[in-house]
Amino acid sequence: MKLIKLGICLSLLFASCKSESTKKSNDEEAVINPKTEINFEPVTGVELSGGKLLRAENFPSSYIKQRPVDIWLPDNYSSDKKYSVLYMHDGQMLFDAKTTWNKQEWKVDEWATQLQKDGKVQDFIVVAIHNISDLRWLDLFPEKAFNFIDPQTQQELRNIPMAVEFKFSGDNYLKFIINEVKPFIDSNYSVYTDKAHTFVMGSSMGGLMSMYAISEYPDIFGGAACISTHWLGSMPMANNPYPKALFEYMNSNFPQSQDQKVYFDYGDKTLDAHYPQYAKQVDDVLEAKGYNDTNSKNIFFEGADHSENSWNIRLDQPLIFLLGK
């Protein structure tokens, strides 16, 4: 009965955000030729406070199920200068509340436009990767962290009834970004291609994936913002094996502080109420890896809940921290 209940909880985790080791070498061959014609068309019916939004409805991939990928370009985007790139998860939740499942949004276009206009951040574009609700948990869970769970418990977790096959795809999700999306962006837009100008950001499971991205590809990403990071790894449950595994993975794989910026935050309401208990473990990892106040943050927002409306209130802080001049 406990396994059935947990299976139901995992199914809810997929739906609740529905619109929500060895390092890789940098010379992995891109599966998609960066010159391959992929049509990014202007998105109609979306209200933006600045910039423009382009979309490829089915970005081709040899790694994961095809999905929409959006590109947000700031006002007066020009090939005469270079832009940094921010890769974000749950791309359909970022720009217009009228188009999201819960009628909330991150307000990325509002903050990015204002901060660039005010000269508080370097010029940047946003690459927004949509999720597929049924696959979201499997795509965004840090796949190698599962190896830090003992084999018997692994099997028990795999036996939990789920709506889809229990098959993690976090490593392939990252390969999709690194080997397919990034080469296309680098070749077709006026952007810097080095790690000092390449960043990743997400919330909840997307926070875990952003942590995983900078851990697996520290030579690609120069910074990560992990908002309301879902340290539970799954839905709340007794004797949860995921948090311990996630922090053991971080102890072994999180990058040292050289040339990196990492931002974590958390609230204390709704699902975020489960996160304050892990704050010290985050701080301990950061300290052990040599981070300090200049290149890392782990900020508590009292009264903040687990929603886009909470994240959009404080989005300026991770943007300035990662992309500030």
C-alpha atoms as a PDB file:
ATOM      1  CA  MET A   1       0.000   0.000   0.000  1.00  0.00           C
ATOM      2  CA  LYS A   2       2.851   2.411   0.807  1.00  0.00           C
ATOM      3  CA  LEU A   3       4.364   1.796  -2.626  1.00  0.00           C
ATOM      4  CA  ILE A   4       1.037   2.494  -4.326  1.00  0.00           C
ATOM      5  CA  LYS A   5       0.619   5.713  -2.391  1.00  0.00           C
ATOM      6  CA  LEU A   6       4.124   6.801  -3.305  1.00  0.00           C
ATOM      7  CA  GLY A   7       3.460   5.996  -6.934  1.00  0.00           C
ATOM      8  CA  ILE A   8       0.440   8.266  -6.834  1.00  0.00           C
ATOM      9  CA  CYS A   9       2.599  10.980  -5.255  1.00  0.00           C
ATOM     10  CA  LEU A  10       5.195  10.657  -8.014  1.00  0.00           C
ATOM     11  CA  SER A  11       2.480  10.996 -10.624  1.00  0.00           C
ATOM     12  CA  LEU A  12       1.383  14.172  -8.866  1.00  0.00           C
ATOM     13  CA  LEU A  13       4.952  15.434  -8.954  1.00  0.00           C
ATOM     14  CA  PHE A  14       4.941  15.103 -12.733  1.00  0.00           C
ATOM     15  CA  ALA A  15       1.670  16.989 -13.011  1.00  0.00           C
ATOM     16  CA  SER A  16       2.181  19.608 -10.307  1.00  0.00           C
ATOM     17  CA  CYS A  17       4.832  21.419 -12.326  1.00  0.00           C
ATOM     18  CA  LYS A  18       3.541  20.353 -15.691  1.00  0.00           C
ATOM     19  CA  SER A  19       4.263  23.575 -17.334  1.00  0.00           C
ATOM     20  CA  GLU A  20       6.768  23.130 -14.655  1.00  0.00           C
ATOM     21  CA  SER A  21      31.479  11.288 -10.998  1.00  0.00           C
ATOM     22  CA  THR A  22      33.255  11.495 -14.407  1.00  0.00           C
ATOM     23  CA  LYS A  23      33.069  14.893 -16.049  1.00  0.00           C
ATOM     24  CA  LYS A  24      32.116  15.165 -19.688  1.00  0.00           C
ATOM     25  CA  SER A  25      34.763  16.329 -22.110  1.00  0.00           C
ATOM     26  CA  ASN A  26      34.008  19.499 -24.044  1.00  0.00           C
ATOM     27  CA  ASP A  27      34.756  17.950 -27.423  1.00  0.00           C
ATOM     28  CA  GLU A  28      31.776  15.619 -27.604  1.00  0.00           C
ATOM     29  CA  GLU A  29      30.538  15.741 -31.163  1.00  0.00           C
ATOM     30  CA  ALA A  30      27.294  17.583 -31.675  1.00  0.00           C
ATOM     31  CA  VAL A  31      24.609  15.261 -33.011  1.00  0.00           C
ATOM     32  CA  ILE A  32      22.924  18.101 -34.851  1.00  0.00           C
ATOM     33  CA  ASN A  33      25.032  20.056 -37.283  1.00  0.00           C
ATOM     34  CA  PRO A  34      24.900  23.617 -35.917  1.00  0.00           C
ATOM     35  CA  LYS A  35      24.104  24.815 -39.436  1.00  0.00           C
ATOM     36  CA  THR A  36      21.078  22.529 -39.668  1.00  0.00           C
ATOM     37  CA  GLU A  37      18.026  24.576 -40.538  1.00  0.00           C
ATOM     38  CA  ILE A  38      15.770  24.741 -37.517  1.00  0.00           C
ATOM     39  CA  ASN A  39      12.939  27.203 -37.861  1.00  0.00           C
ATOM     40  CA  PHE A  40      12.457  29.563 -34.940  1.00  0.00           C
ATOM     41  CA  GLU A  41       9.294  31.532 -35.592  1.00  0.00           C
ATOM     42  CA  PRO A  42       7.957  34.553 -33.677  1.00  0.00           C
ATOM     43  CA  VAL A  43       5.538  33.435 -30.980  1.00  0.00           C
ATOM     44  CA  THR A  44       2.122  34.949 -31.501  1.00  0.00           C
ATOM     45  CA  GLY A  45      -0.441  35.591 -28.804  1.00  0.00           C
ATOM     46  CA  VAL A  46       2.141  36.233 -26.093  1.00  0.00           C
ATOM     47  CA  GLU A  47       2.402  39.532 -24.246  1.00  0.00           C
ATOM     48  CA  LEU A  48       5.923  40.715 -23.481  1.00  0.00           C
ATOM     49  CA  SER A  49       7.112  43.797 -21.667  1.00  0.00           C
ATOM     50  CA  GLY A  50      10.209  43.867 -23.824  1.00  0.00           C
ATOM     51  CA  GLY A  51      12.176  41.922 -26.390  1.00  0.00           C
ATOM     52  CA  LYS A  52      10.795  39.248 -28.681  1.00  0.00           C
ATOM     53  CA  LEU A  53      10.164  35.527 -28.326  1.00  0.00           C
ATOM     54  CA  LEU A  54      10.984  32.938 -30.992  1.00  0.00           C
ATOM     55  CA  ARG A  55      10.060  29.263 -30.891  1.00  0.00           C
ATOM     56  CA  ALA A  56      11.005  25.984 -32.550  1.00  0.00           C
ATOM     57  CA  GLU A  57       7.986  23.796 -31.860  1.00  0.00           C
ATOM     58  CA  ASN A  58       9.908  20.526 -32.105  1.00  0.00           C
ATOM     59  CA  PHE A  59      13.618  21.031 -31.683  1.00  0.00           C
ATOM     60  CA  PRO A  60      15.175  17.848 -33.136  1.00  0.00           C
ATOM     61  CA  SER A  61      17.058  15.562 -30.764  1.00  0.00           C
ATOM     62  CA  SER A  62      18.737  12.177 -30.806  1.00  0.00           C
ATOM     63  CA  TYR A  63      18.728  12.117 -27.004  1.00  0.00           C
ATOM     64  CA  ILE A  64      15.289  12.999 -25.673  1.00  0.00           C
ATOM     65  CA  LYS A  65      11.739  13.438 -26.866  1.00  0.00           C
ATOM     66  CA  GLN A  66      11.399  16.486 -29.079  1.00  0.00           C
ATOM     67  CA  ARG A  67       9.901  19.540 -27.439  1.00  0.00           C
ATOM     68  CA  PRO A  68       9.539  23.283 -27.960  1.00  0.00           C
ATOM     69  CA  VAL A  69      12.549  25.505 -27.350  1.00  0.00           C
ATOM     70  CA  ASP A  70      12.117  29.262 -27.053  1.00  0.00           C
ATOM     71  CA  ILE A  71      14.661  32.028 -27.518  1.00  0.00           C
ATOM     72  CA  TRP A  72      14.086  35.410 -25.906  1.00  0.00           C
ATOM     73  CA  LEU A  73      16.007  38.246 -27.532  1.00  0.00           C
ATOM     74  CA  PRO A  74      16.258  41.651 -25.844  1.00  0.00           C
ATOM     75  CA  ASP A  75      15.142  44.900 -27.405  1.00  0.00           C
ATOM     76  CA  ASN A  76      17.510  46.099 -30.124  1.00  0.00           C
ATOM     77  CA  TYR A  77      19.235  42.718 -30.335  1.00  0.00           C
ATOM     78  CA  SER A  78      22.084  43.238 -32.794  1.00  0.00           C
ATOM     79  CA  SER A  79      24.677  41.078 -34.489  1.00  0.00           C
ATOM     80  CA  ASP A  80      27.096  43.948 -33.952  1.00  0.00           C
ATOM     81  CA  LYS A  81      27.674  42.890 -30.342  1.00  0.00           C
ATOM     82  CA  LYS A  82      27.903  39.711 -28.301  1.00  0.00           C
ATOM     83  CA  TYR A  83      25.442  38.417 -25.705  1.00  0.00           C
ATOM     84  CA  SER A  84      25.720  36.041 -22.796  1.00  0.00           C
ATOM     85  CA  VAL A  85      23.336  33.069 -22.747  1.00  0.00           C
ATOM     86  CA  LEU A  86      21.069  31.926 -19.937  1.00  0.00           C
ATOM     87  CA  TYR A  87      19.605  28.437 -20.359  1.00  0.00           C
ATOM     88  CA  MET A  88      16.382  27.908 -18.395  1.00  0.00           C
ATOM     89  CA  HIS A  89      14.184  24.871 -17.727  1.00  0.00           C
ATOM     90  CA  ASP A  90      10.354  24.757 -17.781  1.00  0.00           C
ATOM     91  CA  GLY A  91      10.420  27.232 -20.631  1.00  0.00           C
ATOM     92  CA  GLN A  92       6.639  27.510 -21.043  1.00  0.00           C
ATOM     93  CA  MET A  93       6.356  29.072 -17.562  1.00  0.00           C
ATOM     94  CA  LEU A  94       8.698  32.028 -18.038  1.00  0.00           C
ATOM     95  CA  PHE A  95       7.087  34.799 -20.060  1.00  0.00           C
ATOM     96  CA  ASP A  96       3.297  35.167 -20.084  1.00  0.00           C
ATOM     97  CA  ALA A  97       0.866  34.062 -17.366  1.00  0.00           C
ATOM     98  CA  LYS A  98      -1.988  33.992 -19.865  1.00  0.00           C
ATOM     99  CA  THR A  99      -0.408  30.954 -21.551  1.00  0.00           C
ATOM    100  CA  THR A 100       0.610  28.908 -18.496  1.00  0.00           C
ATOM    101  CA  TRP A 101      -1.337  26.129 -16.812  1.00  0.00           C
ATOM    102  CA  ASN A 102      -1.567  27.959 -13.455  1.00  0.00           C
ATOM    103  CA  LYS A 103      -1.786  31.532 -14.817  1.00  0.00           C
ATOM    104  CA  GLN A 104       1.549  32.440 -13.224  1.00  0.00           C
ATOM    105  CA  GLU A 105       4.913  33.280 -14.799  1.00  0.00           C
ATOM    106  CA  TRP A 106       8.527  34.029 -13.906  1.00  0.00           C
ATOM    107  CA  LYS A 107       8.413  37.490 -15.563  1.00  0.00           C
ATOM    108  CA  VAL A 108      11.718  36.816 -17.247  1.00  0.00           C
ATOM    109  CA  ASP A 109      11.095  39.368 -19.974  1.00  0.00           C
ATOM    110  CA  GLU A 110      10.192  42.063 -17.422  1.00  0.00           C
ATOM    111  CA  TRP A 111      13.284  41.545 -15.283  1.00  0.00           C
ATOM    112  CA  ALA A 112      15.697  40.927 -18.154  1.00  0.00           C
ATOM    113  CA  THR A 113      14.521  44.017 -20.006  1.00  0.00           C
ATOM    114  CA  GLN A 114      14.658  46.306 -16.972  1.00  0.00           C
ATOM    115  CA  LEU A 115      17.997  45.075 -15.643  1.00  0.00           C
ATOM    116  CA  GLN A 116      19.664  45.402 -19.041  1.00  0.00           C
ATOM    117  CA  LYS A 117      18.132  48.833 -19.543  1.00  0.00           C
ATOM    118  CA  ASP A 118      19.433  49.928 -16.136  1.00  0.00           C
ATOM    119  CA  GLY A 119      22.893  48.613 -16.888  1.00  0.00           C
ATOM    120  CA  LYS A 120      22.850  46.260 -13.898  1.00  0.00           C
ATOM    121  CA  VAL A 121      23.578  43.134 -15.941  1.00  0.00           C
ATOM    122  CA  GLN A 122      25.498  42.298 -19.074  1.00  0.00           C
ATOM    123  CA  ASP A 123      23.562  41.910 -22.306  1.00  0.00           C
ATOM    124  CA  PHE A 124      22.096  38.420 -22.512  1.00  0.00           C
ATOM    125  CA  ILE A 125      19.568  36.219 -24.265  1.00  0.00           C
ATOM    126  CA  VAL A 126      17.469  33.422 -22.760  1.00  0.00           C
ATOM    127  CA  VAL A 127      17.126  29.927 -24.175  1.00  0.00           C
ATOM    128  CA  ALA A 128      14.008  28.385 -22.622  1.00  0.00           C
ATOM    129  CA  ILE A 129      13.560  24.616 -22.871  1.00  0.00           C
ATOM    130  CA  HIS A 130       9.975  23.440 -22.412  1.00  0.00           C
ATOM    131  CA  ASN A 131       9.167  20.476 -20.227  1.00  0.00           C
ATOM    132  CA  ILE A 132       6.938  17.520 -21.108  1.00  0.00           C
ATOM    133  CA  SER A 133       4.797  17.016 -18.038  1.00  0.00           C
ATOM    134  CA  ASP A 134       4.794  13.191 -17.978  1.00  0.00           C
ATOM    135  CA  LEU A 135       8.580  13.123 -18.381  1.00  0.00           C
ATOM    136  CA  ARG A 136       9.549  16.144 -16.317  1.00  0.00           C
ATOM    137  CA  TRP A 137      10.703  14.313 -13.202  1.00  0.00           C
ATOM    138  CA  LEU A 138      12.707  11.780 -15.198  1.00  0.00           C
ATOM    139  CA  ASP A 139      14.272  14.516 -17.353  1.00  0.00           C
ATOM    140  CA  LEU A 140      15.232  16.791 -14.468  1.00  0.00           C
ATOM    141  CA  PHE A 141      16.333  14.390 -11.736  1.00  0.00           C
ATOM    142  CA  PRO A 142      20.162  14.302 -11.375  1.00  0.00           C
ATOM    143  CA  GLU A 143      20.558  10.838 -12.828  1.00  0.00           C
ATOM    144  CA  LYS A 144      23.900   9.852 -11.310  1.00  0.00           C
ATOM    145  CA  ALA A 145      22.674  10.713  -7.810  1.00  0.00           C
ATOM    146  CA  PHE A 146      20.510   7.597  -7.980  1.00  0.00           C
ATOM    147  CA  ASN A 147      23.733   5.553  -7.861  1.00  0.00           C
ATOM    148  CA  PHE A 148      24.279   6.768  -4.290  1.00  0.00           C
ATOM    149  CA  ILE A 149      21.202   4.822  -3.147  1.00  0.00           C
ATOM    150  CA  ASP A 150      21.780   1.214  -2.102  1.00  0.00           C
ATOM    151  CA  PRO A 151      20.703  -1.417  -4.678  1.00  0.00           C
ATOM    152  CA  GLN A 152      17.829  -2.833  -2.644  1.00  0.00           C
ATOM    153  CA  THR A 153      16.261   0.595  -2.129  1.00  0.00           C
ATOM    154  CA  GLN A 154      16.840   1.410  -5.793  1.00  0.00           C
ATOM    155  CA  GLN A 155      14.822  -1.633  -6.756  1.00  0.00           C
ATOM    156  CA  GLU A 156      12.043  -0.751  -4.331  1.00  0.00           C
ATOM    157  CA  LEU A 157      11.853   2.719  -5.868  1.00  0.00           C
ATOM    158  CA  ARG A 158      11.798   1.267  -9.379  1.00  0.00           C
ATOM    159  CA  ASN A 159       8.898  -0.964  -8.402  1.00  0.00           C
ATOM    160  CA  ILE A 160       6.690   1.967  -7.436  1.00  0.00           C
ATOM    161  CA  PRO A 161       3.776   2.216  -9.890  1.00  0.00           C
ATOM    162  CA  MET A 162       4.236   5.152 -12.260  1.00  0.00           C
ATOM    163  CA  ALA A 163       2.447   6.539 -15.264  1.00  0.00           C
ATOM    164  CA  VAL A 164       5.590   6.079 -17.373  1.00  0.00           C
ATOM    165  CA  GLU A 165       8.580   3.744 -17.345  1.00  0.00           C
ATOM    166  CA  PHE A 166      10.996   4.437 -14.481  1.00  0.00           C
ATOM    167  CA  LYS A 167      13.916   5.421 -16.676  1.00  0.00           C
ATOM    168  CA  PHE A 168      15.961   8.480 -15.813  1.00  0.00           C
ATOM    169  CA  SER A 169      16.890  10.760 -18.701  1.00  0.00           C
ATOM    170  CA  GLY A 170      18.767  13.554 -16.915  1.00  0.00           C
ATOM    171  CA  ASP A 171      22.067  12.710 -18.588  1.00  0.00           C
ATOM    172  CA  ASN A 172      20.464  12.711 -22.025  1.00  0.00           C
ATOM    173  CA  TYR A 173      18.622  15.938 -21.200  1.00  0.00           C
ATOM    174  CA  LEU A 174      21.997  17.566 -20.542  1.00  0.00           C
ATOM    175  CA  LYS A 175      23.456  16.090 -23.732  1.00  0.00           C
ATOM    176  CA  PHE A 176      20.494  17.604 -25.573  1.00  0.00           C
ATOM    177  CA  ILE A 177      21.468  21.026 -24.248  1.00  0.00           C
ATOM    178  CA  ILE A 178      25.225  20.656 -24.656  1.00  0.00           C
ATOM    179  CA  ASN A 179      25.443  18.756 -27.941  1.00  0.00           C
ATOM    180  CA  GLU A 180      22.341  19.943 -29.783  1.00  0.00           C
ATOM    181  CA  VAL A 181      20.871  23.193 -28.486  1.00  0.00           C
ATOM    182  CA  LYS A 182      24.046  25.044 -27.535  1.00  0.00           C
ATOM    183  CA  PRO A 183      25.896  24.421 -30.822  1.00  0.00           C
ATOM    184  CA  PHE A 184      22.895  25.723 -32.714  1.00  0.00           C
ATOM    185  CA  ILE A 185      22.641  28.837 -30.536  1.00  0.00           C
ATOM    186  CA  ASP A 186      26.384  29.467 -30.732  1.00  0.00           C
ATOM    187  CA  SER A 187      26.387  29.231 -34.521  1.00  0.00           C
ATOM    188  CA  ASN A 188      23.212  31.143 -35.310  1.00  0.00           C
ATOM    189  CA  TYR A 189      23.103  33.955 -32.757  1.00  0.00           C
ATOM    190  CA  SER A 190      25.564  36.627 -31.752  1.00  0.00           C
ATOM    191  CA  VAL A 191      26.601  35.152 -28.426  1.00  0.00           C
ATOM    192  CA  TYR A 192      29.694  34.422 -26.410  1.00  0.00           C
ATOM    193  CA  THR A 193      30.384  30.707 -26.400  1.00  0.00           C
ATOM    194  CA  ASP A 194      32.726  30.411 -23.401  1.00  0.00           C
ATOM    195  CA  LYS A 195      31.788  29.292 -19.875  1.00  0.00           C
ATOM    196  CA  ALA A 196      32.253  32.801 -18.462  1.00  0.00           C
ATOM    197  CA  HIS A 197      29.144  33.875 -20.395  1.00  0.00           C
ATOM    198  CA  THR A 198      27.063  30.673 -20.215  1.00  0.00           C
ATOM    199  CA  PHE A 199      24.633  30.115 -17.342  1.00  0.00           C
ATOM    200  CA  VAL A 200      21.815  27.793 -16.320  1.00  0.00           C
ATOM    201  CA  MET A 201      18.772  28.397 -14.105  1.00  0.00           C
ATOM    202  CA  GLY A 202      15.691  26.565 -12.898  1.00  0.00           C
ATOM    203  CA  SER A 203      13.332  26.057  -9.990  1.00  0.00           C
ATOM    204  CA  SER A 204      12.244  23.028  -7.980  1.00  0.00           C
ATOM    205  CA  MET A 205      13.321  19.986 -10.061  1.00  0.00           C
ATOM    206  CA  GLY A 206      14.811  22.545 -12.421  1.00  0.00           C
ATOM    207  CA  GLY A 207      16.914  23.730  -9.488  1.00  0.00           C
ATOM    208  CA  LEU A 208      18.235  20.203  -9.063  1.00  0.00           C
ATOM    209  CA  MET A 209      18.959  19.974 -12.780  1.00  0.00           C
ATOM    210  CA  SER A 210      20.819  23.302 -12.723  1.00  0.00           C
ATOM    211  CA  MET A 211      22.980  21.973  -9.887  1.00  0.00           C
ATOM    212  CA  TYR A 212      23.534  18.811 -11.926  1.00  0.00           C
ATOM    213  CA  ALA A 213      24.384  20.747 -15.081  1.00  0.00           C
ATOM    214  CA  ILE A 214      27.191  22.704 -13.462  1.00  0.00           C
ATOM    215  CA  SER A 215      28.445  19.552 -11.739  1.00  0.00           C
ATOM    216  CA  GLU A 216      28.536  17.446 -14.903  1.00  0.00           C
ATOM    217  CA  TYR A 217      29.675  20.233 -17.229  1.00  0.00           C
ATOM    218  CA  PRO A 218      31.754  22.692 -15.165  1.00  0.00           C
ATOM    219  CA  ASP A 219      33.718  23.671 -18.278  1.00  0.00           C
ATOM    220  CA  ILE A 220      30.528  24.650 -20.112  1.00  0.00           C
ATOM    221  CA  PHE A 221      28.558  26.542 -17.448  1.00  0.00           C
ATOM    222  CA  GLY A 222      30.165  29.364 -15.503  1.00  0.00           C
ATOM    223  CA  GLY A 223      27.225  29.772 -13.171  1.00  0.00           C
ATOM    224  CA  ALA A 224      24.011  28.173 -11.997  1.00  0.00           C
ATOM    225  CA  ALA A 225      20.948  29.516 -10.197  1.00  0.00           C
ATOM    226  CA  CYS A 226      18.939  26.905  -8.299  1.00  0.00           C
ATOM    227  CA  ILE A 227      15.633  28.392  -7.131  1.00  0.00           C
ATOM    228  CA  SER A 228      13.591  26.574  -4.460  1.00  0.00           C
ATOM    229  CA  THR A 229      15.748  23.530  -5.133  1.00  0.00           C
ATOM    230  CA  HIS A 230      13.747  20.358  -4.580  1.00  0.00           C
ATOM    231  CA  TRP A 231      16.108  18.550  -2.223  1.00  0.00           C
ATOM    232  CA  LEU A 232      13.406  15.976  -1.531  1.00  0.00           C
ATOM    233  CA  GLY A 233      14.069  14.620  -5.011  1.00  0.00           C
ATOM    234  CA  SER A 234      10.507  13.274  -5.096  1.00  0.00           C
ATOM    235  CA  MET A 235       7.261  13.884  -3.270  1.00  0.00           C
ATOM    236  CA  PRO A 236       7.526  14.075   0.545  1.00  0.00           C
ATOM    237  CA  MET A 237       7.706  10.607   2.068  1.00  0.00           C
ATOM    238  CA  ALA A 238       8.941   8.846   5.196  1.00  0.00           C
ATOM    239  CA  ASN A 239      12.537   7.582   5.130  1.00  0.00           C
ATOM    240  CA  ASN A 240      13.156   9.414   1.879  1.00  0.00           C
ATOM    241  CA  PRO A 241      16.440   8.144   0.366  1.00  0.00           C
ATOM    242  CA  TYR A 242      16.770  10.883  -2.244  1.00  0.00           C
ATOM    243  CA  PRO A 243      18.116  13.836  -0.174  1.00  0.00           C
ATOM    244  CA  LYS A 244      21.020  11.816   1.225  1.00  0.00           C
ATOM    245  CA  ALA A 245      21.874  10.579  -2.252  1.00  0.00           C
ATOM    246  CA  LEU A 246      21.720  14.075  -3.731  1.00  0.00           C
ATOM    247  CA  PHE A 247      24.116  15.514  -1.166  1.00  0.00           C
ATOM    248  CA  GLU A 248      26.472  12.550  -1.465  1.00  0.00           C
ATOM    249  CA  TYR A 249      26.511  13.175  -5.208  1.00  0.00           C
ATOM    250  CA  MET A 250      27.282  16.852  -4.589  1.00  0.00           C
ATOM    251  CA  ASN A 251      30.071  16.026  -2.149  1.00  0.00           C
ATOM    252  CA  SER A 252      31.699  13.936  -4.874  1.00  0.00           C
ATOM    253  CA  ASN A 253      30.886  15.973  -7.984  1.00  0.00           C
ATOM    254  CA  PHE A 254      29.958  19.587  -7.293  1.00  0.00           C
ATOM    255  CA  PRO A 255      32.648  21.779  -8.894  1.00  0.00           C
ATOM    256  CA  GLN A 256      35.316  23.590  -6.939  1.00  0.00           C
ATOM    257  CA  SER A 257      34.872  27.323  -6.669  1.00  0.00           C
ATOM    258  CA  GLN A 258      37.372  28.413  -9.311  1.00  0.00           C
ATOM    259  CA  ASP A 259      35.644  30.475 -12.001  1.00  0.00           C
ATOM    260  CA  GLN A 260      32.140  29.461 -10.888  1.00  0.00           C
ATOM    261  CA  LYS A 261      29.125  31.270  -9.472  1.00  0.00           C
ATOM    262  CA  VAL A 262      26.357  29.330  -7.760  1.00  0.00           C
ATOM    263  CA  TYR A 263      23.111  30.648  -6.323  1.00  0.00           C
ATOM    264  CA  PHE A 264      20.629  28.725  -4.166  1.00  0.00           C
ATOM    265  CA  ASP A 265      17.499  29.998  -2.430  1.00  0.00           C
ATOM    266  CA  TYR A 266      14.444  28.668  -0.633  1.00  0.00           C
ATOM    267  CA  GLY A 267      11.266  29.736   1.154  1.00  0.00           C
ATOM    268  CA  ASP A 268       9.240  28.144   3.938  1.00  0.00           C
ATOM    269  CA  LYS A 269       5.670  27.832   2.663  1.00  0.00           C
ATOM    270  CA  THR A 270       3.845  25.103   0.733  1.00  0.00           C
ATOM    271  CA  LEU A 271       6.406  22.710  -0.796  1.00  0.00           C
ATOM    272  CA  ASP A 272       9.240  25.068   0.175  1.00  0.00           C
ATOM    273  CA  ALA A 273       8.445  24.318   3.823  1.00  0.00           C
ATOM    274  CA  HIS A 274      10.495  21.119   3.385  1.00  0.00           C
ATOM    275  CA  TYR A 275      13.655  22.939   2.271  1.00  0.00           C
ATOM    276  CA  PRO A 276      15.018  24.895   5.283  1.00  0.00           C
ATOM    277  CA  GLN A 277      16.153  21.640   6.914  1.00  0.00           C
ATOM    278  CA  TYR A 278      18.674  21.190   4.098  1.00  0.00           C
ATOM    279  CA  ALA A 279      20.167  24.705   4.192  1.00  0.00           C
ATOM    280  CA  LYS A 280      23.123  23.727   6.359  1.00  0.00           C
ATOM    281  CA  GLN A 281      23.985  20.808   4.095  1.00  0.00           C
ATOM    282  CA  VAL A 282      24.045  23.179   1.129  1.00  0.00           C
ATOM    283  CA  ASP A 283      26.282  25.572   3.081  1.00  0.00           C
ATOM    284  CA  ASP A 284      28.574  22.700   4.064  1.00  0.00           C
ATOM    285  CA  VAL A 285      29.028  21.623   0.441  1.00  0.00           C
ATOM    286  CA  LEU A 286      29.763  25.181  -0.636  1.00  0.00           C
ATOM    287  CA  GLU A 287      32.332  25.637   2.124  1.00  0.00           C
ATOM    288  CA  ALA A 288      33.993  22.297   1.386  1.00  0.00           C
ATOM    289  CA  LYS A 289      34.316  23.257  -2.283  1.00  0.00           C
ATOM    290  CA  GLY A 290      35.933  26.597  -1.479  1.00  0.00           C
ATOM    291  CA  TYR A 291      33.041  28.975  -2.133  1.00  0.00           C
ATOM    292  CA  ASN A 292      32.545  32.242  -0.282  1.00  0.00           C
ATOM    293  CA  ASP A 293      30.113  35.163  -0.285  1.00  0.00           C
ATOM    294  CA  THR A 294      31.539  36.551  -3.514  1.00  0.00           C
ATOM    295  CA  ASN A 295      30.802  33.499  -5.658  1.00  0.00           C
ATOM    296  CA  SER A 296      27.952  31.717  -3.878  1.00  0.00           C
ATOM    297  CA  LYS A 297      24.612  32.431  -2.240  1.00  0.00           C
ATOM    298  CA  ASN A 298      22.134  30.338  -0.267  1.00  0.00           C
ATOM    299  CA  ILE A 299      19.348  32.752   0.606  1.00  0.00           C
ATOM    300  CA  PHE A 300      16.271  32.212   2.758  1.00  0.00           C
ATOM    301  CA  PHE A 301      13.113  34.119   1.801  1.00  0.00           C
ATOM    302  CA  GLU A 302      10.790  34.015   4.766  1.00  0.00           C
ATOM    303  CA  GLY A 303       7.143  33.547   3.810  1.00  0.00           C
ATOM    304  CA  ALA A 304       7.958  32.568   0.212  1.00  0.00           C
ATOM    305  CA  ASP A 305       6.024  29.639  -1.231  1.00  0.00           C
ATOM    306  CA  HIS A 306       6.659  27.230  -4.094  1.00  0.00           C
ATOM    307  CA  SER A 307       5.247  29.111  -7.065  1.00  0.00           C
ATOM    308  CA  GLU A 308       6.126  31.259 -10.036  1.00  0.00           C
ATOM    309  CA  ASN A 309       4.590  34.228  -8.217  1.00  0.00           C
ATOM    310  CA  SER A 310       7.173  33.797  -5.468  1.00  0.00           C
ATOM    311  CA  TRP A 311      10.039  33.259  -7.869  1.00  0.00           C
ATOM    312  CA  ASN A 312       9.190  36.284 -10.012  1.00  0.00           C
ATOM    313  CA  ILE A 313       9.329  38.597  -6.999  1.00  0.00           C
ATOM    314  CA  ARG A 314      12.996  37.758  -6.375  1.00  0.00           C
ATOM    315  CA  LEU A 315      14.204  36.912  -9.878  1.00  0.00           C
ATOM    316  CA  ASP A 316      16.370  40.037 -10.006  1.00  0.00           C
ATOM    317  CA  GLN A 317      18.662  38.595  -7.335  1.00  0.00           C
ATOM    318  CA  PRO A 318      19.912  35.509  -9.206  1.00  0.00           C
ATOM    319  CA  LEU A 319      20.050  37.455 -12.481  1.00  0.00           C
ATOM    320  CA  ILE A 320      22.227  40.165 -10.968  1.00  0.00           C
ATOM    321  CA  PHE A 321      24.332  37.621  -9.111  1.00  0.00           C
ATOM    322  CA  LEU A 322      25.086  35.579 -12.258  1.00  0.00           C
ATOM    323  CA  LEU A 323      25.076  38.291 -14.912  1.00  0.00           C
ATOM    324  CA  GLY A 324      25.897  41.462 -12.984  1.00  0.00           C
ATOM    325  CA  LYS A 325      28.471  43.835 -14.386  1.00  0.00           C
END
